[in-house]
Amino acid sequence: MSQSEQGILSCWQCGKRMLVLRTQVGGDVECPHCRAMVTVPGQLFGAPTARTVRSAPGSAANKSPATAAVLNFLFWGAGYIYAGRAWGWAILIPYILLGFPLMLVGMIFGSLLVSLALSIALAWHAYHMVKESQARN
């Protein structure tokens, strides 16, 4: 394989170098050192540099991961809406209509731990979703 078919790319997370192929341009490769996903840019093989586009003011890149996590913990789906994901409404509306009454029943019958575990999982996901969005921009 010729050198023009291979390129060296630095990982955005750990900074270590990895060998990538021209056929991987535009796709994601896993860093062999830290397991982060890195997009192979065309510029590595001589493609023109793309113009940088700034994030829109309402995008997840400009949001607080902690706020998204707290909102998702308290009201399932609200953190996703805060982060600009419209599909959060599909979680929030049923939660408001069914979640509160079911949570009260759960407190009586002891299934509060299940509800708490799900709240923590949703909070964790919203936090990391916003952090990844910020890392990409």
N, C-alpha and C. Protein backbone atom coordinates (compact mmCIF):
# COMPACT_ATOMS: atom_id res chain seq x y z
N MET A 1 0.86 -1.19 0.00
CA MET A 1 0.00 0.00 0.00
C MET A 1 0.90 1.24 0.00
N SER A 2 0.64 2.19 -0.87
CA SER A 2 1.49 3.36 -0.99
C SER A 2 1.23 4.33 0.16
N GLN A 3 2.20 5.23 0.36
CA GLN A 3 2.08 6.20 1.43
C GLN A 3 0.93 7.16 1.19
N SER A 4 0.59 7.41 -0.09
CA SER A 4 -0.51 8.33 -0.37
C SER A 4 -1.86 7.73 0.02
N GLU A 5 -1.89 6.43 0.23
CA GLU A 5 -3.12 5.76 0.65
C GLU A 5 -3.26 5.71 2.16
N GLN A 6 -2.19 6.10 2.90
CA GLN A 6 -2.20 6.08 4.35
C GLN A 6 -1.92 7.47 4.89
N GLY A 7 -2.42 7.73 6.07
CA GLY A 7 -2.16 9.00 6.72
C GLY A 7 -2.06 8.81 8.23
N ILE A 8 -1.45 9.78 8.89
CA ILE A 8 -1.33 9.72 10.34
C ILE A 8 -2.25 10.78 10.92
N LEU A 9 -3.10 10.34 11.85
CA LEU A 9 -4.11 11.20 12.46
C LEU A 9 -3.91 11.20 13.96
N SER A 10 -4.02 12.37 14.58
CA SER A 10 -3.93 12.48 16.04
C SER A 10 -5.33 12.38 16.64
N CYS A 11 -5.43 11.64 17.72
CA CYS A 11 -6.70 11.48 18.43
C CYS A 11 -7.07 12.78 19.13
N TRP A 12 -8.33 13.18 19.03
CA TRP A 12 -8.80 14.41 19.68
C TRP A 12 -8.82 14.27 21.20
N GLN A 13 -8.89 13.05 21.71
CA GLN A 13 -9.02 12.86 23.16
C GLN A 13 -7.66 12.67 23.84
N CYS A 14 -6.85 11.74 23.34
CA CYS A 14 -5.58 11.44 24.02
C CYS A 14 -4.37 12.08 23.33
N GLY A 15 -4.54 12.53 22.07
CA GLY A 15 -3.45 13.19 21.35
C GLY A 15 -2.47 12.24 20.70
N LYS A 16 -2.64 10.95 20.88
CA LYS A 16 -1.71 9.98 20.29
C LYS A 16 -2.05 9.79 18.81
N ARG A 17 -1.04 9.36 18.05
CA ARG A 17 -1.19 9.21 16.61
C ARG A 17 -1.63 7.80 16.24
N MET A 18 -2.34 7.74 15.11
CA MET A 18 -2.78 6.44 14.59
C MET A 18 -2.71 6.48 13.07
N LEU A 19 -2.56 5.33 12.47
CA LEU A 19 -2.50 5.19 11.03
C LEU A 19 -3.90 4.95 10.48
N VAL A 20 -4.30 5.75 9.47
CA VAL A 20 -5.61 5.59 8.86
C VAL A 20 -5.44 5.45 7.35
N LEU A 21 -6.45 4.92 6.71
CA LEU A 21 -6.43 4.71 5.26
C LEU A 21 -7.28 5.76 4.55
N ARG A 22 -6.94 6.04 3.31
CA ARG A 22 -7.71 6.99 2.51
C ARG A 22 -9.18 6.56 2.40
N THR A 23 -9.42 5.26 2.36
CA THR A 23 -10.79 4.76 2.22
C THR A 23 -11.64 5.04 3.46
N GLN A 24 -11.01 5.47 4.55
CA GLN A 24 -11.74 5.74 5.79
C GLN A 24 -12.16 7.21 5.91
N VAL A 25 -11.83 8.04 4.93
CA VAL A 25 -12.17 9.46 4.98
C VAL A 25 -13.68 9.64 5.16
N GLY A 26 -14.05 10.49 6.09
CA GLY A 26 -15.45 10.77 6.38
C GLY A 26 -16.06 9.81 7.37
N GLY A 27 -15.41 8.72 7.63
CA GLY A 27 -15.92 7.74 8.59
C GLY A 27 -15.24 7.90 9.94
N ASP A 28 -15.71 7.15 10.90
CA ASP A 28 -15.14 7.18 12.25
C ASP A 28 -14.26 5.96 12.45
N VAL A 29 -13.12 6.18 13.09
CA VAL A 29 -12.23 5.08 13.47
C VAL A 29 -12.04 5.14 14.98
N GLU A 30 -11.78 3.99 15.57
CA GLU A 30 -11.59 3.93 17.01
C GLU A 30 -10.10 4.09 17.31
N CYS A 31 -9.78 5.00 18.23
CA CYS A 31 -8.39 5.20 18.63
C CYS A 31 -7.92 3.93 19.35
N PRO A 32 -6.80 3.35 18.91
CA PRO A 32 -6.33 2.12 19.56
C PRO A 32 -5.79 2.35 20.96
N HIS A 33 -5.57 3.62 21.33
CA HIS A 33 -5.00 3.92 22.63
C HIS A 33 -6.05 4.17 23.70
N CYS A 34 -7.07 5.01 23.36
CA CYS A 34 -8.06 5.40 24.38
C CYS A 34 -9.49 4.99 24.01
N ARG A 35 -9.68 4.41 22.83
CA ARG A 35 -10.98 3.92 22.35
C ARG A 35 -11.97 5.04 21.97
N ALA A 36 -11.50 6.28 21.86
CA ALA A 36 -12.38 7.37 21.42
C ALA A 36 -12.64 7.21 19.92
N MET A 37 -13.81 7.66 19.48
CA MET A 37 -14.14 7.62 18.05
C MET A 37 -13.64 8.92 17.42
N VAL A 38 -12.88 8.78 16.33
CA VAL A 38 -12.27 9.92 15.65
C VAL A 38 -12.71 9.90 14.19
N THR A 39 -13.20 11.03 13.69
CA THR A 39 -13.60 11.14 12.29
C THR A 39 -12.36 11.43 11.44
N VAL A 40 -12.19 10.69 10.36
CA VAL A 40 -11.04 10.87 9.48
C VAL A 40 -11.35 12.01 8.50
N PRO A 41 -10.61 13.12 8.60
CA PRO A 41 -10.89 14.26 7.73
C PRO A 41 -10.27 14.08 6.35
N GLY A 42 -10.93 14.62 5.34
CA GLY A 42 -10.42 14.56 3.98
C GLY A 42 -9.15 15.38 3.81
N GLN A 43 -8.96 16.40 4.64
CA GLN A 43 -7.78 17.27 4.56
C GLN A 43 -6.50 16.48 4.77
N LEU A 44 -6.59 15.37 5.47
CA LEU A 44 -5.44 14.53 5.72
C LEU A 44 -4.84 14.01 4.41
N PHE A 45 -5.68 13.89 3.39
CA PHE A 45 -5.24 13.37 2.10
C PHE A 45 -5.32 14.43 1.00
N GLY A 46 -5.33 15.70 1.39
CA GLY A 46 -5.27 16.78 0.41
C GLY A 46 -6.59 17.38 -0.01
N ALA A 47 -7.70 16.97 0.58
CA ALA A 47 -8.99 17.57 0.24
C ALA A 47 -9.01 19.01 0.75
N PRO A 48 -9.75 19.90 0.09
CA PRO A 48 -9.81 21.28 0.57
C PRO A 48 -10.42 21.35 1.97
N THR A 49 -9.94 22.32 2.74
CA THR A 49 -10.42 22.50 4.10
C THR A 49 -11.84 23.05 4.08
N ALA A 50 -12.69 22.44 4.86
CA ALA A 50 -14.08 22.89 4.95
C ALA A 50 -14.15 24.13 5.84
N ARG A 51 -15.10 24.97 5.55
CA ARG A 51 -15.32 26.16 6.36
C ARG A 51 -15.89 25.77 7.70
N THR A 52 -15.40 26.36 8.77
CA THR A 52 -15.90 26.06 10.11
C THR A 52 -17.25 26.72 10.30
N VAL A 53 -18.19 25.94 10.76
CA VAL A 53 -19.54 26.45 11.01
C VAL A 53 -19.73 26.52 12.52
N ARG A 54 -20.06 27.68 13.01
CA ARG A 54 -20.29 27.83 14.45
C ARG A 54 -21.63 27.24 14.83
N SER A 55 -21.69 26.79 16.06
CA SER A 55 -22.93 26.19 16.56
C SER A 55 -24.01 27.26 16.67
N ALA A 56 -25.22 26.85 16.39
CA ALA A 56 -26.35 27.75 16.57
C ALA A 56 -26.52 28.03 18.05
N PRO A 57 -27.02 29.22 18.42
CA PRO A 57 -27.15 29.56 19.84
C PRO A 57 -27.96 28.55 20.65
N GLY A 58 -28.92 27.87 20.06
CA GLY A 58 -29.75 26.94 20.81
C GLY A 58 -29.26 25.50 20.77
N SER A 59 -28.09 25.25 20.15
CA SER A 59 -27.63 23.87 19.99
C SER A 59 -27.07 23.32 21.30
N ALA A 60 -26.92 22.00 21.33
CA ALA A 60 -26.43 21.33 22.54
C ALA A 60 -25.01 21.75 22.87
N ALA A 61 -24.24 22.20 21.88
CA ALA A 61 -22.86 22.61 22.14
C ALA A 61 -22.78 23.82 23.06
N ASN A 62 -23.84 24.59 23.14
CA ASN A 62 -23.85 25.77 24.00
C ASN A 62 -24.62 25.56 25.29
N LYS A 63 -24.94 24.33 25.59
CA LYS A 63 -25.74 24.02 26.78
C LYS A 63 -24.87 23.46 27.89
N SER A 64 -25.37 23.52 29.10
CA SER A 64 -24.67 22.97 30.26
C SER A 64 -25.02 21.50 30.42
N PRO A 65 -24.01 20.62 30.44
CA PRO A 65 -24.29 19.19 30.64
C PRO A 65 -24.95 18.92 32.00
N ALA A 66 -24.54 19.68 33.01
CA ALA A 66 -25.11 19.49 34.35
C ALA A 66 -26.60 19.84 34.37
N THR A 67 -26.97 20.90 33.68
CA THR A 67 -28.38 21.29 33.62
C THR A 67 -29.19 20.22 32.91
N ALA A 68 -28.66 19.69 31.80
CA ALA A 68 -29.36 18.63 31.07
C ALA A 68 -29.53 17.41 31.97
N ALA A 69 -28.51 17.08 32.75
CA ALA A 69 -28.59 15.92 33.64
C ALA A 69 -29.62 16.12 34.74
N VAL A 70 -29.63 17.29 35.35
CA VAL A 70 -30.59 17.57 36.43
C VAL A 70 -32.02 17.55 35.89
N LEU A 71 -32.23 18.17 34.74
CA LEU A 71 -33.57 18.17 34.15
C LEU A 71 -34.03 16.75 33.83
N ASN A 72 -33.15 15.93 33.28
CA ASN A 72 -33.53 14.56 32.96
C ASN A 72 -33.75 13.72 34.22
N PHE A 73 -33.03 14.03 35.28
CA PHE A 73 -33.22 13.31 36.53
C PHE A 73 -34.60 13.62 37.12
N LEU A 74 -34.96 14.90 37.12
CA LEU A 74 -36.22 15.32 37.74
C LEU A 74 -37.43 15.03 36.86
N PHE A 75 -37.30 15.31 35.56
CA PHE A 75 -38.41 15.14 34.62
C PHE A 75 -37.88 14.43 33.39
N TRP A 76 -38.10 13.15 33.30
CA TRP A 76 -37.57 12.33 32.22
C TRP A 76 -37.88 12.95 30.87
N GLY A 77 -36.86 13.19 30.07
CA GLY A 77 -37.02 13.77 28.74
C GLY A 77 -36.76 15.27 28.68
N ALA A 78 -36.89 15.98 29.81
CA ALA A 78 -36.71 17.43 29.81
C ALA A 78 -35.27 17.81 29.48
N GLY A 79 -34.31 17.00 29.91
CA GLY A 79 -32.91 17.28 29.60
C GLY A 79 -32.62 17.17 28.12
N TYR A 80 -33.30 16.24 27.45
CA TYR A 80 -33.13 16.09 26.00
C TYR A 80 -33.72 17.30 25.28
N ILE A 81 -34.85 17.77 25.73
CA ILE A 81 -35.47 18.95 25.13
C ILE A 81 -34.56 20.17 25.32
N TYR A 82 -34.01 20.31 26.53
CA TYR A 82 -33.08 21.40 26.82
C TYR A 82 -31.88 21.35 25.88
N ALA A 83 -31.41 20.13 25.57
CA ALA A 83 -30.25 19.95 24.69
C ALA A 83 -30.60 20.08 23.21
N GLY A 84 -31.86 20.36 22.91
CA GLY A 84 -32.25 20.57 21.52
C GLY A 84 -32.73 19.33 20.80
N ARG A 85 -33.03 18.28 21.53
CA ARG A 85 -33.52 17.04 20.93
C ARG A 85 -35.04 16.99 21.06
N ALA A 86 -35.73 17.17 19.96
CA ALA A 86 -37.19 17.22 19.99
C ALA A 86 -37.80 15.90 20.45
N TRP A 87 -37.09 14.78 20.24
CA TRP A 87 -37.64 13.49 20.65
C TRP A 87 -37.76 13.38 22.17
N GLY A 88 -37.22 14.32 22.91
CA GLY A 88 -37.39 14.34 24.36
C GLY A 88 -38.85 14.48 24.77
N TRP A 89 -39.64 15.14 23.89
CA TRP A 89 -41.07 15.29 24.18
C TRP A 89 -41.76 13.93 24.25
N ALA A 90 -41.29 12.97 23.45
CA ALA A 90 -41.90 11.63 23.45
C ALA A 90 -41.65 10.91 24.78
N ILE A 91 -40.68 11.36 25.54
CA ILE A 91 -40.42 10.79 26.87
C ILE A 91 -41.11 11.63 27.94
N LEU A 92 -41.03 12.96 27.81
CA LEU A 92 -41.56 13.85 28.84
C LEU A 92 -43.07 13.79 28.98
N ILE A 93 -43.79 13.81 27.87
CA ILE A 93 -45.26 13.84 27.96
C ILE A 93 -45.83 12.60 28.64
N PRO A 94 -45.43 11.38 28.26
CA PRO A 94 -45.94 10.22 29.01
C PRO A 94 -45.49 10.22 30.47
N TYR A 95 -44.28 10.74 30.72
CA TYR A 95 -43.81 10.80 32.11
C TYR A 95 -44.70 11.70 32.95
N ILE A 96 -45.07 12.85 32.38
CA ILE A 96 -45.93 13.77 33.12
C ILE A 96 -47.31 13.16 33.32
N LEU A 97 -47.84 12.55 32.26
CA LEU A 97 -49.19 11.98 32.36
C LEU A 97 -49.24 10.73 33.23
N LEU A 98 -48.21 9.88 33.14
CA LEU A 98 -48.24 8.61 33.86
C LEU A 98 -47.19 8.50 34.96
N GLY A 99 -46.08 9.19 34.79
CA GLY A 99 -44.96 9.03 35.70
C GLY A 99 -45.22 9.43 37.13
N PHE A 100 -45.80 10.60 37.33
CA PHE A 100 -46.05 11.05 38.70
C PHE A 100 -47.01 10.14 39.43
N PRO A 101 -48.16 9.79 38.83
CA PRO A 101 -49.05 8.87 39.54
C PRO A 101 -48.40 7.51 39.81
N LEU A 102 -47.66 6.99 38.83
CA LEU A 102 -47.00 5.70 39.02
C LEU A 102 -45.90 5.78 40.07
N MET A 103 -45.23 6.92 40.14
CA MET A 103 -44.19 7.09 41.15
C MET A 103 -44.79 7.09 42.55
N LEU A 104 -45.92 7.73 42.70
CA LEU A 104 -46.58 7.73 44.01
C LEU A 104 -47.00 6.33 44.40
N VAL A 105 -47.54 5.59 43.45
CA VAL A 105 -47.91 4.20 43.71
C VAL A 105 -46.65 3.39 44.01
N GLY A 106 -45.58 3.67 43.31
CA GLY A 106 -44.32 2.98 43.53
C GLY A 106 -43.75 3.20 44.91
N MET A 107 -43.92 4.41 45.43
CA MET A 107 -43.46 4.69 46.78
C MET A 107 -44.20 3.82 47.79
N ILE A 108 -45.46 3.63 47.53
CA ILE A 108 -46.27 2.82 48.44
C ILE A 108 -45.84 1.36 48.37
N PHE A 109 -45.56 0.87 47.17
CA PHE A 109 -45.26 -0.55 46.98
C PHE A 109 -43.77 -0.86 46.90
N GLY A 110 -42.91 0.11 47.08
CA GLY A 110 -41.48 -0.14 47.18
C GLY A 110 -40.71 -0.21 45.88
N SER A 111 -41.27 0.22 44.76
CA SER A 111 -40.51 0.18 43.51
C SER A 111 -39.84 1.52 43.22
N LEU A 112 -39.66 2.31 44.24
CA LEU A 112 -39.02 3.61 44.08
C LEU A 112 -37.57 3.46 43.60
N LEU A 113 -36.90 2.39 44.00
CA LEU A 113 -35.51 2.19 43.59
C LEU A 113 -35.39 2.01 42.08
N VAL A 114 -36.36 1.37 41.48
CA VAL A 114 -36.35 1.20 40.02
C VAL A 114 -36.49 2.56 39.35
N SER A 115 -37.40 3.38 39.85
CA SER A 115 -37.60 4.71 39.30
C SER A 115 -36.35 5.57 39.49
N LEU A 116 -35.72 5.46 40.64
CA LEU A 116 -34.50 6.21 40.91
C LEU A 116 -33.37 5.77 39.99
N ALA A 117 -33.24 4.48 39.77
CA ALA A 117 -32.19 3.96 38.88
C ALA A 117 -32.39 4.47 37.45
N LEU A 118 -33.63 4.47 36.99
CA LEU A 118 -33.91 4.97 35.64
C LEU A 118 -33.64 6.48 35.55
N SER A 119 -33.98 7.22 36.58
CA SER A 119 -33.71 8.66 36.60
C SER A 119 -32.21 8.93 36.51
N ILE A 120 -31.43 8.16 37.24
CA ILE A 120 -29.98 8.33 37.21
C ILE A 120 -29.43 7.99 35.83
N ALA A 121 -29.93 6.92 35.23
CA ALA A 121 -29.47 6.53 33.89
C ALA A 121 -29.80 7.60 32.85
N LEU A 122 -30.99 8.16 32.91
CA LEU A 122 -31.37 9.21 31.96
C LEU A 122 -30.53 10.47 32.19
N ALA A 123 -30.25 10.80 33.44
CA ALA A 123 -29.42 11.96 33.75
C ALA A 123 -28.01 11.77 33.20
N TRP A 124 -27.45 10.59 33.39
CA TRP A 124 -26.11 10.28 32.90
C TRP A 124 -26.07 10.39 31.38
N HIS A 125 -27.08 9.85 30.72
CA HIS A 125 -27.11 9.89 29.26
C HIS A 125 -27.20 11.32 28.73
N ALA A 126 -28.06 12.14 29.31
CA ALA A 126 -28.20 13.53 28.86
C ALA A 126 -26.90 14.29 29.07
N TYR A 127 -26.24 14.08 30.21
CA TYR A 127 -24.98 14.75 30.51
C TYR A 127 -23.94 14.42 29.43
N HIS A 128 -23.77 13.13 29.15
CA HIS A 128 -22.75 12.72 28.19
C HIS A 128 -23.12 13.06 26.76
N MET A 129 -24.40 13.14 26.45
CA MET A 129 -24.84 13.53 25.11
C MET A 129 -24.41 14.98 24.85
N VAL A 130 -24.61 15.87 25.84
CA VAL A 130 -24.23 17.26 25.68
C VAL A 130 -22.70 17.39 25.64
N LYS A 131 -21.98 16.65 26.48
CA LYS A 131 -20.52 16.70 26.47
C LYS A 131 -19.95 16.26 25.12
N GLU A 132 -20.50 15.21 24.53
CA GLU A 132 -20.03 14.74 23.22
C GLU A 132 -20.33 15.76 22.14
N SER A 133 -21.48 16.42 22.24
CA SER A 133 -21.82 17.45 21.27
C SER A 133 -20.85 18.61 21.36
N GLN A 134 -20.45 18.96 22.58
CA GLN A 134 -19.48 20.04 22.77
C GLN A 134 -18.11 19.64 22.24
N ALA A 135 -17.73 18.38 22.41
CA ALA A 135 -16.42 17.93 21.95
C ALA A 135 -16.33 17.94 20.43
N ARG A 136 -17.45 17.69 19.75
CA ARG A 136 -17.46 17.71 18.29
C ARG A 136 -17.35 19.10 17.72
N ASN A 137 -17.76 20.11 18.49
CA ASN A 137 -17.76 21.48 17.98
C ASN A 137 -16.61 22.28 18.49
